[in-house]
Amino acid sequence: MVSEEIKSKYQLVVGLEVHAQLLTESKIFAADSTAFGSDPNTQVSVITLGHPGTLPKVNKKVIEYAVKMGLACNSEITRTNIFSRKNYFYPDLPKGYQITQDKGPICVGGTVPIRLADGSEREINLNRVHMEEDAGKSIHLAGESDTVVDFNRAGTPLIEIVSEPDIRTSEEAYAFLYEIKKLVKYLGICDGNMEEGSMRCDANVSVMLKGAHEYGKKVEVKNMNSFRNVAKAIDHEFERQVALIEKGETIISETRTFDAATCTTASMRTKEDLNDYRYFPEPDLSPVVISEEWLNSIKSQMPQLPRELFQKFMEEYGLPAYDAALLTEEKEMADWFESLCSKTTNFKAASNWMMGPIKSFLNEAGLSIDNFPVKPETIADLISLIDEGKVSFTAASQNLFPEMLKGGEESPLQIAQKLNLIQESDESSLKPIVESVLAENASKVAEYRSGKKGLMGLFMGEVMKKSKGKADPKVASKLLTELLQN
């Protein structure tokens, strides 16, 4: 263990490489299906397997998805795109090379804004976003000496999002990945599922003395299947490298794997130099030219992005930052909230219902908002009932809402009437109840009049009990105040 005092002398430097599998129905250069979970080696063809004489053809949807990511990050879009061969041999790379982009990535530069737990914000600069094909999957079965290979994933389209070495803490790395996941899901280009491998992350980690101007030797860490594990791997690697430097040892530029069970990294291989890959232009693919017309067409398909909706929810709907952040975590929730806001003007109440009873129900039922059994306009009617004083929030959330979830045709008002939940707002009907409560609590009334104003809550509780929860709190409070002052 390295002491905090020693670690405080050093600055962590991290750059992330995020691979996102694109949600196309077919592969990047072949018509094979990309569906997840099929039997091994059932989604392959002679093109995927690199048979002699086969020719790849670019999937147009891959270009469009990559451009969408670049537009979302304010990157510069490369108009003429050339693919290259990256030569290396792994058992799960059937052609012996990977088709990727080398010198001219489709998206150059750009930024990803992140928000940290303390509310602070900053932007992480991107180096590039480029397109490439995925490799297959090597499988090592317990007790078996042989490795088996599944080529279903080979040729699946990827974009690789490469940050500049701008990240300075594991928390920032976590926040960056969180924003990338939100972006690709909002854009509809990737499901962002790290557990299934559709989003994968490699971290380039180095350390340097604070105030230094030259980065240390970077170490690449792989095999991290969750945001939390990425953060843990970065923290471990920072401490490991600081310990080596403090001992006077040299940091080896290498690729290391992360063990989630022990939260440690272990050496896999020394880091290849770029020239080891012998990049050269892919001779079987013509350049892909993105015209102004095509680019404008892609721009017209862009949805509202999380940061745009975050600002809109605060400025247009008057929500606090906390509400806006939670409601924009998922595009489906944000869309549903906007539908609800088109039916009501009580935007804060709409937010409270979304983040409270609705979210609780979805979590308990294991459902997404797309499968929520109540329509936005029905929730808007429920909010109106509360605003008009016809039903209390307590009665609405505890009695009325569960009944609405059963999916009948009755309106909230009809259900409230059936359940006898309509609040009593008529003063002439409530006054005898209030007078009865005060008469039964004469000693407390005397205490209230002598200065113990906190007893108002007791009187209100008794009124609600006598009225079986049907007394309108506003009217009951007004009557209590008037009678106590007389």
Protein backbone atom coordinates (compact mmCIF):
# COMPACT_ATOMS: atom_id res chain seq x y z
CA MET A 1 0.00 0.00 0.00
CA VAL A 2 1.22 3.47 -0.89
CA SER A 3 0.45 6.23 1.59
CA GLU A 4 -1.87 9.07 0.66
CA GLU A 5 0.99 11.50 1.28
CA ILE A 6 3.14 9.82 -1.39
CA LYS A 7 0.23 9.47 -3.85
CA SER A 8 -0.52 13.16 -3.45
CA LYS A 9 2.81 13.96 -5.16
CA TYR A 10 1.65 12.36 -8.39
CA GLN A 11 -0.93 13.16 -11.06
CA LEU A 12 -2.99 10.39 -12.64
CA VAL A 13 -3.36 10.66 -16.44
CA VAL A 14 -5.95 8.54 -18.23
CA GLY A 15 -7.15 8.21 -21.80
CA LEU A 16 -10.04 5.87 -22.62
CA GLU A 17 -10.73 3.85 -25.75
CA VAL A 18 -14.38 2.86 -25.91
CA HIS A 19 -15.60 0.30 -28.43
CA ALA A 20 -19.33 0.46 -29.13
CA GLN A 21 -21.02 -2.27 -31.17
CA LEU A 22 -23.46 -0.65 -33.56
CA LEU A 23 -27.13 -1.70 -33.64
CA THR A 24 -27.19 -2.65 -37.30
CA GLU A 25 -28.99 -5.80 -38.42
CA SER A 26 -26.03 -6.96 -40.47
CA LYS A 27 -22.24 -6.78 -40.23
CA ILE A 28 -20.06 -3.95 -41.44
CA PHE A 29 -18.81 -5.66 -44.62
CA ALA A 30 -21.16 -8.66 -45.00
CA ALA A 31 -24.86 -9.53 -44.82
CA ASP A 32 -24.47 -11.87 -41.81
CA SER A 33 -26.80 -11.20 -38.89
CA THR A 34 -25.50 -9.40 -35.80
CA ALA A 35 -28.20 -10.75 -33.41
CA PHE A 36 -26.88 -11.45 -29.90
CA GLY A 37 -27.13 -14.87 -28.27
CA SER A 38 -27.21 -17.17 -31.31
CA ASP A 39 -25.47 -20.54 -31.33
CA PRO A 40 -21.72 -20.33 -32.01
CA ASN A 41 -20.62 -19.97 -35.64
CA THR A 42 -24.17 -19.73 -37.05
CA GLN A 43 -23.83 -16.11 -38.21
CA VAL A 44 -20.84 -16.42 -40.51
CA SER A 45 -20.18 -16.41 -44.24
CA VAL A 46 -17.24 -16.68 -46.61
CA ILE A 47 -16.74 -12.90 -46.31
CA THR A 48 -16.67 -12.98 -42.51
CA LEU A 49 -14.25 -15.91 -42.58
CA GLY A 50 -11.98 -14.19 -45.11
CA HIS A 51 -12.13 -16.84 -47.84
CA PRO A 52 -10.00 -16.08 -50.93
CA GLY A 53 -11.77 -14.22 -53.71
CA THR A 54 -14.46 -12.68 -51.46
CA LEU A 55 -15.04 -8.94 -51.50
CA PRO A 56 -16.33 -6.80 -48.61
CA LYS A 57 -19.00 -4.12 -49.11
CA VAL A 58 -19.57 -1.24 -46.67
CA ASN A 59 -22.82 -1.18 -44.69
CA LYS A 60 -24.25 2.33 -45.27
CA LYS A 61 -25.98 2.37 -41.88
CA VAL A 62 -22.57 2.04 -40.15
CA ILE A 63 -21.42 5.30 -41.81
CA GLU A 64 -24.60 7.07 -40.68
CA TYR A 65 -24.30 5.86 -37.09
CA ALA A 66 -20.65 6.93 -36.88
CA VAL A 67 -21.52 10.38 -38.24
CA LYS A 68 -24.32 10.71 -35.66
CA MET A 69 -21.83 10.07 -32.87
CA GLY A 70 -19.48 12.68 -34.32
CA LEU A 71 -22.26 15.26 -34.60
CA ALA A 72 -23.30 14.55 -30.99
CA CYS A 73 -19.72 15.26 -29.86
CA ASN A 74 -19.20 18.32 -32.10
CA SER A 75 -16.47 16.48 -34.01
CA GLU A 76 -15.28 17.41 -37.49
CA ILE A 77 -16.74 14.94 -40.00
CA THR A 78 -14.27 13.56 -42.54
CA ARG A 79 -15.88 13.70 -45.98
CA THR A 80 -13.68 11.13 -47.77
CA ASN A 81 -13.17 7.97 -45.74
CA ILE A 82 -10.60 5.31 -46.50
CA PHE A 83 -10.37 1.95 -44.73
CA SER A 84 -7.07 0.27 -43.82
CA ARG A 85 -5.85 -3.18 -42.94
CA LYS A 86 -4.42 -3.58 -39.46
CA ASN A 87 -2.31 -6.72 -39.61
CA TYR A 88 -1.99 -9.01 -36.61
CA PHE A 89 -2.79 -12.63 -35.82
CA TYR A 90 -5.14 -13.82 -33.11
CA PRO A 91 -7.09 -17.09 -33.31
CA ASP A 92 -10.37 -15.14 -33.32
CA LEU A 93 -9.34 -12.90 -36.26
CA PRO A 94 -10.08 -15.15 -39.24
CA LYS A 95 -8.57 -12.97 -41.99
CA GLY A 96 -5.32 -12.34 -40.10
CA TYR A 97 -6.04 -8.62 -40.27
CA GLN A 98 -8.73 -6.20 -39.11
CA ILE A 99 -10.36 -3.66 -41.41
CA THR A 100 -10.30 -0.33 -39.60
CA GLN A 101 -9.50 3.34 -40.15
CA ASP A 102 -5.93 4.51 -39.64
CA LYS A 103 -4.86 7.96 -40.85
CA GLY A 104 -8.32 9.41 -41.55
CA PRO A 105 -10.94 8.64 -38.88
CA ILE A 106 -14.52 9.54 -39.79
CA CYS A 107 -14.78 11.91 -36.78
CA VAL A 108 -11.89 14.13 -35.70
CA GLY A 109 -11.74 15.92 -32.33
CA GLY A 110 -14.85 16.83 -30.38
CA THR A 111 -15.76 16.91 -26.70
CA VAL A 112 -17.85 15.00 -24.17
CA PRO A 113 -19.17 17.06 -21.22
CA ILE A 114 -19.21 15.25 -17.87
CA ARG A 115 -20.87 16.07 -14.55
CA LEU A 116 -19.29 14.89 -11.28
CA ALA A 117 -20.91 13.98 -7.98
CA ASP A 118 -20.16 17.40 -6.46
CA GLY A 119 -22.08 19.08 -9.31
CA SER A 120 -18.96 20.35 -11.08
CA GLU A 121 -18.72 20.02 -14.85
CA ARG A 122 -15.90 19.79 -17.35
CA GLU A 123 -15.32 18.68 -20.92
CA ILE A 124 -13.20 15.70 -21.96
CA ASN A 125 -11.59 16.19 -25.38
CA LEU A 126 -11.82 13.45 -27.98
CA ASN A 127 -8.99 12.52 -30.29
CA ARG A 128 -11.14 10.65 -32.78
CA VAL A 129 -14.02 8.33 -33.51
CA HIS A 130 -13.32 5.71 -36.16
CA MET A 131 -15.08 2.70 -37.68
CA GLU A 132 -13.79 -0.87 -37.65
CA GLU A 133 -14.89 -4.49 -37.53
CA ASP A 134 -14.96 -6.60 -34.39
CA ALA A 135 -13.00 -9.82 -33.96
CA GLY A 136 -14.50 -13.17 -33.01
CA LYS A 137 -14.46 -14.56 -29.49
CA SER A 138 -11.99 -17.04 -28.02
CA ILE A 139 -13.51 -19.25 -25.32
CA HIS A 140 -11.45 -21.06 -22.70
CA LEU A 141 -13.53 -23.73 -21.00
CA ALA A 142 -12.67 -24.83 -17.47
CA GLY A 143 -10.59 -27.99 -17.44
CA GLU A 144 -10.02 -27.93 -21.19
CA SER A 145 -6.56 -27.41 -22.70
CA ASP A 146 -7.91 -26.30 -26.08
CA THR A 147 -9.37 -22.93 -27.00
CA VAL A 148 -12.60 -22.87 -29.00
CA VAL A 149 -13.51 -19.92 -31.23
CA ASP A 150 -16.90 -18.40 -32.02
CA PHE A 151 -16.83 -16.23 -35.17
CA ASN A 152 -20.39 -14.88 -34.81
CA ARG A 153 -19.04 -11.56 -33.54
CA ALA A 154 -16.38 -11.28 -36.26
CA GLY A 155 -17.27 -8.44 -38.61
CA THR A 156 -19.77 -6.81 -36.24
CA PRO A 157 -19.52 -3.05 -36.79
CA LEU A 158 -17.80 -0.97 -34.14
CA ILE A 159 -17.01 2.64 -33.54
CA GLU A 160 -14.00 3.31 -31.36
CA ILE A 161 -14.27 6.51 -29.34
CA VAL A 162 -10.78 7.61 -28.29
CA SER A 163 -10.37 10.34 -25.70
CA GLU A 164 -7.35 12.55 -25.27
CA PRO A 165 -5.39 11.87 -22.04
CA ASP A 166 -7.59 14.47 -20.28
CA ILE A 167 -9.00 12.32 -17.48
CA ARG A 168 -7.45 12.90 -14.06
CA THR A 169 -9.45 10.73 -11.64
CA SER A 170 -11.27 7.41 -11.71
CA GLU A 171 -14.48 9.34 -10.98
CA GLU A 172 -13.99 11.33 -14.18
CA ALA A 173 -13.42 8.08 -16.10
CA TYR A 174 -16.68 6.68 -14.71
CA ALA A 175 -18.53 9.89 -15.62
CA PHE A 176 -17.08 9.86 -19.15
CA LEU A 177 -18.24 6.28 -19.75
CA TYR A 178 -21.65 7.12 -18.30
CA GLU A 179 -22.04 10.02 -20.76
CA ILE A 180 -20.86 7.90 -23.70
CA LYS A 181 -23.44 5.24 -22.80
CA LYS A 182 -26.18 7.88 -22.58
CA LEU A 183 -25.17 9.36 -25.95
CA VAL A 184 -25.11 6.08 -27.89
CA LYS A 185 -28.46 5.06 -26.39
CA TYR A 186 -30.07 8.43 -27.14
CA LEU A 187 -28.77 8.20 -30.71
CA GLY A 188 -30.09 4.64 -30.99
CA ILE A 189 -26.76 3.35 -32.32
CA CYS A 190 -25.70 1.02 -29.45
CA ASP A 191 -27.40 -0.47 -26.38
CA GLY A 192 -24.39 0.38 -24.18
CA ASN A 193 -24.43 -3.01 -22.44
CA MET A 194 -20.94 -3.65 -21.06
CA GLU A 195 -21.98 -6.97 -19.48
CA GLU A 196 -22.89 -8.38 -22.92
CA GLY A 197 -19.79 -6.81 -24.47
CA SER A 198 -21.63 -4.42 -26.77
CA MET A 199 -19.70 -1.59 -25.13
CA ARG A 200 -16.10 -2.27 -24.09
CA CYS A 201 -13.44 -0.05 -22.65
CA ASP A 202 -9.64 -0.05 -22.54
CA ALA A 203 -7.85 2.42 -20.29
CA ASN A 204 -4.44 3.95 -20.99
CA VAL A 205 -3.03 4.85 -17.58
CA SER A 206 0.13 6.75 -16.67
CA VAL A 207 1.38 8.88 -13.79
CA MET A 208 3.62 11.90 -13.55
CA LEU A 209 4.79 14.21 -10.78
CA LYS A 210 2.43 17.10 -10.22
CA GLY A 211 3.68 20.14 -12.11
CA ALA A 212 5.56 18.02 -14.67
CA HIS A 213 4.96 18.68 -18.36
CA GLU A 214 5.77 15.25 -19.77
CA TYR A 215 3.49 12.26 -19.41
CA GLY A 216 4.83 9.02 -17.98
CA LYS A 217 4.87 5.70 -19.84
CA LYS A 218 1.33 4.51 -20.40
CA VAL A 219 0.00 1.08 -19.56
CA GLU A 220 -3.10 -0.25 -21.32
CA VAL A 221 -5.62 -2.08 -19.14
CA LYS A 222 -8.17 -4.44 -20.71
CA ASN A 223 -10.88 -6.90 -19.63
CA MET A 224 -13.16 -4.52 -17.70
CA ASN A 225 -16.86 -5.32 -18.00
CA SER A 226 -18.46 -2.52 -15.96
CA PHE A 227 -18.01 1.18 -15.26
CA ARG A 228 -17.19 0.36 -11.65
CA ASN A 229 -14.47 -2.08 -12.68
CA VAL A 230 -12.93 0.53 -14.97
CA ALA A 231 -12.69 2.90 -11.99
CA LYS A 232 -11.24 0.16 -9.76
CA ALA A 233 -8.66 -0.83 -12.39
CA ILE A 234 -7.54 2.80 -12.81
CA ASP A 235 -7.19 3.27 -9.04
CA HIS A 236 -5.16 0.06 -8.72
CA GLU A 237 -2.93 0.92 -11.66
CA PHE A 238 -2.27 4.41 -10.31
CA GLU A 239 -1.14 2.97 -6.98
CA ARG A 240 0.93 0.21 -8.67
CA GLN A 241 2.78 2.66 -10.91
CA VAL A 242 3.44 5.12 -8.08
CA ALA A 243 4.87 2.29 -5.97
CA LEU A 244 7.22 1.25 -8.80
CA ILE A 245 8.44 4.81 -9.36
CA GLU A 246 9.01 5.31 -5.64
CA LYS A 247 11.18 2.16 -5.64
CA GLY A 248 13.20 3.52 -8.55
CA GLU A 249 11.88 0.91 -10.97
CA THR A 250 10.87 1.51 -14.59
CA ILE A 251 7.28 1.46 -15.83
CA ILE A 252 6.99 -1.02 -18.70
CA SER A 253 4.73 0.01 -21.56
CA GLU A 254 2.54 -3.07 -21.73
CA THR A 255 -0.99 -4.41 -21.94
CA ARG A 256 -2.42 -5.66 -18.64
CA THR A 257 -5.62 -7.50 -17.79
CA PHE A 258 -7.89 -6.62 -14.86
CA ASP A 259 -9.03 -9.27 -12.37
CA ALA A 260 -12.36 -8.17 -10.89
CA ALA A 261 -12.14 -10.71 -8.05
CA THR A 262 -8.90 -9.25 -6.65
CA CYS A 263 -9.20 -5.72 -8.14
CA THR A 264 -5.65 -6.06 -9.49
CA THR A 265 -4.02 -6.01 -12.93
CA ALA A 266 -1.60 -8.55 -14.40
CA SER A 267 0.72 -8.40 -17.41
CA MET A 268 -0.57 -9.88 -20.67
CA ARG A 269 2.01 -8.76 -23.24
CA THR A 270 4.36 -5.91 -24.03
CA LYS A 271 2.71 -3.09 -25.93
CA GLU A 272 2.98 -3.33 -29.69
CA ASP A 273 4.35 -0.36 -31.55
CA LEU A 274 2.06 1.06 -34.22
CA ASN A 275 4.47 -0.01 -36.97
CA ASP A 276 4.06 -3.64 -35.86
CA TYR A 277 0.57 -3.54 -37.36
CA ARG A 278 1.88 -2.66 -40.88
CA TYR A 279 -1.16 -0.54 -41.76
CA PHE A 280 -1.91 -0.08 -45.44
CA PRO A 281 -5.04 1.02 -47.36
CA GLU A 282 -7.65 -1.73 -47.79
CA PRO A 283 -7.42 -2.51 -51.53
CA ASP A 284 -10.89 -4.11 -51.77
CA LEU A 285 -12.88 -1.09 -50.56
CA SER A 286 -13.37 2.17 -52.44
CA PRO A 287 -13.29 5.46 -50.51
CA VAL A 288 -16.63 6.40 -48.95
CA VAL A 289 -17.54 10.00 -49.75
CA ILE A 290 -20.04 11.79 -47.50
CA SER A 291 -21.79 14.43 -49.57
CA GLU A 292 -23.29 17.64 -48.18
CA GLU A 293 -26.75 16.30 -48.98
CA TRP A 294 -26.11 13.02 -47.12
CA LEU A 295 -24.61 14.84 -44.14
CA ASN A 296 -27.62 17.19 -43.93
CA SER A 297 -29.95 14.18 -44.11
CA ILE A 298 -28.16 12.59 -41.12
CA LYS A 299 -28.29 15.90 -39.22
CA SER A 300 -32.06 16.05 -39.75
CA GLN A 301 -32.41 12.65 -38.03
CA MET A 302 -30.55 13.72 -34.88
CA PRO A 303 -32.62 13.50 -31.68
CA GLN A 304 -32.42 15.97 -28.81
CA LEU A 305 -29.32 15.06 -26.82
CA PRO A 306 -29.16 14.54 -23.03
CA ARG A 307 -27.40 17.86 -22.33
CA GLU A 308 -29.96 19.73 -24.49
CA LEU A 309 -32.87 18.13 -22.66
CA PHE A 310 -31.17 18.78 -19.30
CA GLN A 311 -31.13 22.51 -20.08
CA LYS A 312 -34.66 22.42 -21.49
CA PHE A 313 -36.08 20.69 -18.41
CA MET A 314 -34.55 23.34 -16.14
CA GLU A 315 -35.31 26.40 -18.28
CA GLU A 316 -38.66 25.50 -19.88
CA TYR A 317 -40.14 23.32 -17.13
CA GLY A 318 -38.48 25.03 -14.15
CA LEU A 319 -37.07 21.82 -12.69
CA PRO A 320 -34.09 21.74 -10.31
CA ALA A 321 -30.86 20.25 -11.68
CA TYR A 322 -31.35 17.05 -9.65
CA ASP A 323 -34.72 16.33 -11.30
CA ALA A 324 -33.45 17.25 -14.76
CA ALA A 325 -30.43 14.95 -14.41
CA LEU A 326 -32.50 11.95 -13.32
CA LEU A 327 -35.18 12.44 -15.97
CA THR A 328 -32.62 12.64 -18.78
CA GLU A 329 -30.67 9.52 -17.78
CA GLU A 330 -32.65 7.48 -20.30
CA LYS A 331 -34.17 8.73 -23.54
CA GLU A 332 -37.39 6.76 -23.00
CA MET A 333 -37.95 8.38 -19.59
CA ALA A 334 -37.22 11.84 -20.99
CA ASP A 335 -39.63 11.29 -23.90
CA TRP A 336 -42.37 10.02 -21.55
CA PHE A 337 -41.87 13.03 -19.27
CA GLU A 338 -42.21 15.39 -22.24
CA SER A 339 -45.43 13.63 -23.26
CA LEU A 340 -46.72 14.10 -19.71
CA CYS A 341 -45.74 17.79 -19.72
CA SER A 342 -47.75 18.30 -22.91
CA LYS A 343 -50.85 17.32 -20.90
CA THR A 344 -50.26 19.28 -17.68
CA THR A 345 -48.77 22.60 -16.59
CA ASN A 346 -47.72 21.35 -13.14
CA PHE A 347 -44.28 20.25 -14.32
CA LYS A 348 -42.82 19.76 -10.83
CA ALA A 349 -45.69 17.44 -9.90
CA ALA A 350 -45.09 15.54 -13.14
CA SER A 351 -41.41 15.18 -12.20
CA ASN A 352 -42.31 14.02 -8.68
CA TRP A 353 -44.65 11.34 -10.03
CA MET A 354 -42.03 10.17 -12.56
CA MET A 355 -39.23 9.95 -10.00
CA GLY A 356 -41.44 8.64 -7.19
CA PRO A 357 -44.40 6.25 -7.63
CA ILE A 358 -43.85 5.55 -11.36
CA LYS A 359 -40.11 4.82 -11.01
CA SER A 360 -40.74 2.65 -7.93
CA PHE A 361 -43.33 0.60 -9.78
CA LEU A 362 -41.07 0.10 -12.80
CA ASN A 363 -38.15 -0.99 -10.61
CA GLU A 364 -40.25 -3.45 -8.61
CA ALA A 365 -41.89 -4.88 -11.75
CA GLY A 366 -38.63 -4.98 -13.73
CA LEU A 367 -40.23 -2.97 -16.54
CA SER A 368 -39.12 -0.09 -18.74
CA ILE A 369 -41.25 3.04 -19.15
CA ASP A 370 -42.24 1.78 -22.61
CA ASN A 371 -44.19 -0.99 -20.86
CA PHE A 372 -45.81 1.26 -18.23
CA PRO A 373 -49.56 0.40 -18.27
CA VAL A 374 -50.83 3.97 -17.69
CA LYS A 375 -50.87 6.66 -20.38
CA PRO A 376 -49.29 10.12 -19.81
CA GLU A 377 -52.68 11.83 -20.19
CA THR A 378 -54.11 9.64 -17.39
CA ILE A 379 -51.29 10.65 -15.03
CA ALA A 380 -52.00 14.27 -16.04
CA ASP A 381 -55.67 13.77 -15.03
CA LEU A 382 -54.48 12.38 -11.69
CA ILE A 383 -52.28 15.46 -11.12
CA SER A 384 -55.29 17.68 -11.91
CA LEU A 385 -57.40 15.86 -9.29
CA ILE A 386 -54.76 16.63 -6.66
CA ASP A 387 -54.29 20.24 -7.80
CA GLU A 388 -58.05 20.81 -7.67
CA GLY A 389 -58.16 19.49 -4.10
CA LYS A 390 -60.43 16.58 -5.01
CA VAL A 391 -57.93 13.92 -3.90
CA SER A 392 -54.97 14.14 -1.53
CA PHE A 393 -51.53 13.08 -2.77
CA THR A 394 -51.43 10.40 -0.08
CA ALA A 395 -54.74 8.90 -1.21
CA ALA A 396 -53.70 9.24 -4.85
CA SER A 397 -50.35 7.48 -4.43
CA GLN A 398 -51.42 4.82 -1.94
CA ASN A 399 -54.95 3.96 -3.14
CA LEU A 400 -55.76 5.48 -6.51
CA PHE A 401 -52.47 4.86 -8.35
CA PRO A 402 -52.34 1.08 -7.58
CA GLU A 403 -55.87 0.77 -8.95
CA MET A 404 -54.90 2.63 -12.12
CA LEU A 405 -52.01 0.21 -12.67
CA LYS A 406 -54.53 -2.59 -13.25
CA GLY A 407 -55.17 -1.03 -16.64
CA GLY A 408 -58.93 -0.56 -16.64
CA GLU A 409 -60.88 1.96 -18.74
CA GLU A 410 -62.05 4.08 -15.79
CA SER A 411 -60.67 7.60 -15.38
CA PRO A 412 -58.85 8.64 -12.18
CA LEU A 413 -61.96 10.58 -11.12
CA GLN A 414 -64.22 7.56 -11.61
CA ILE A 415 -61.83 5.34 -9.64
CA ALA A 416 -61.59 7.95 -6.85
CA GLN A 417 -65.37 8.11 -6.65
CA LYS A 418 -65.65 4.32 -6.61
CA LEU A 419 -63.07 4.07 -3.79
CA ASN A 420 -64.70 6.95 -1.91
CA LEU A 421 -61.48 9.00 -2.03
CA ILE A 422 -62.94 12.38 -3.06
CA GLN A 423 -61.91 14.98 -0.49
CA GLU A 424 -64.53 16.91 1.44
CA SER A 425 -63.99 20.60 0.65
CA ASP A 426 -67.32 21.99 1.79
CA GLU A 427 -66.77 24.13 4.91
CA SER A 428 -70.27 23.52 6.25
CA SER A 429 -69.64 19.76 6.18
CA LEU A 430 -66.16 19.96 7.69
CA LYS A 431 -66.89 22.51 10.41
CA PRO A 432 -68.75 20.05 12.72
CA ILE A 433 -65.79 17.61 12.47
CA VAL A 434 -63.29 20.35 13.36
CA GLU A 435 -65.45 21.57 16.26
CA SER A 436 -65.77 18.00 17.54
CA VAL A 437 -61.97 17.52 17.49
CA LEU A 438 -61.39 20.77 19.40
CA ALA A 439 -64.06 19.89 21.95
CA GLU A 440 -62.50 16.49 22.59
CA ASN A 441 -59.05 18.06 23.03
CA ALA A 442 -59.93 21.06 25.19
CA SER A 443 -56.71 20.88 27.23
CA LYS A 444 -54.60 20.88 24.05
CA VAL A 445 -56.62 23.83 22.74
CA ALA A 446 -55.72 25.75 25.90
CA GLU A 447 -52.04 24.88 25.42
CA TYR A 448 -52.19 26.01 21.78
CA ARG A 449 -53.73 29.33 22.78
CA SER A 450 -51.03 29.80 25.40
CA GLY A 451 -48.33 29.59 22.71
CA LYS A 452 -47.77 25.94 21.74
CA LYS A 453 -48.43 26.45 18.04
CA GLY A 454 -46.83 23.09 17.19
CA LEU A 455 -50.05 21.39 18.31
CA MET A 456 -51.66 22.34 14.98
CA GLY A 457 -50.29 19.10 13.52
CA LEU A 458 -52.06 17.09 16.22
CA PHE A 459 -55.39 18.78 15.49
CA MET A 460 -54.97 18.22 11.74
CA GLY A 461 -54.20 14.56 12.33
CA GLU A 462 -57.35 14.13 14.40
CA VAL A 463 -59.48 15.88 11.76
CA MET A 464 -58.08 13.62 9.04
CA LYS A 465 -58.74 10.58 11.24
CA LYS A 466 -62.35 11.58 11.96
CA SER A 467 -62.98 12.36 8.28
CA LYS A 468 -61.33 9.04 7.25
CA GLY A 469 -58.75 10.98 5.27
CA LYS A 470 -61.32 12.78 3.14
CA ALA A 471 -60.99 16.27 4.61
CA ASP A 472 -59.36 18.77 2.26
CA PRO A 473 -56.21 19.75 4.21
CA LYS A 474 -56.36 23.38 3.05
CA VAL A 475 -59.98 23.84 4.12
CA ALA A 476 -59.45 21.93 7.39
CA SER A 477 -56.37 24.04 8.21
CA LYS A 478 -58.29 27.25 7.51
CA LEU A 479 -61.21 26.20 9.77
CA LEU A 480 -58.84 25.08 12.56
CA THR A 481 -56.99 28.40 12.47
CA GLU A 482 -60.23 30.40 12.58
CA LEU A 483 -61.77 28.41 15.44
CA LEU A 484 -58.58 28.35 17.52
CA GLN A 485 -58.23 32.11 17.25
CA ASN A 486 -61.79 32.74 18.44
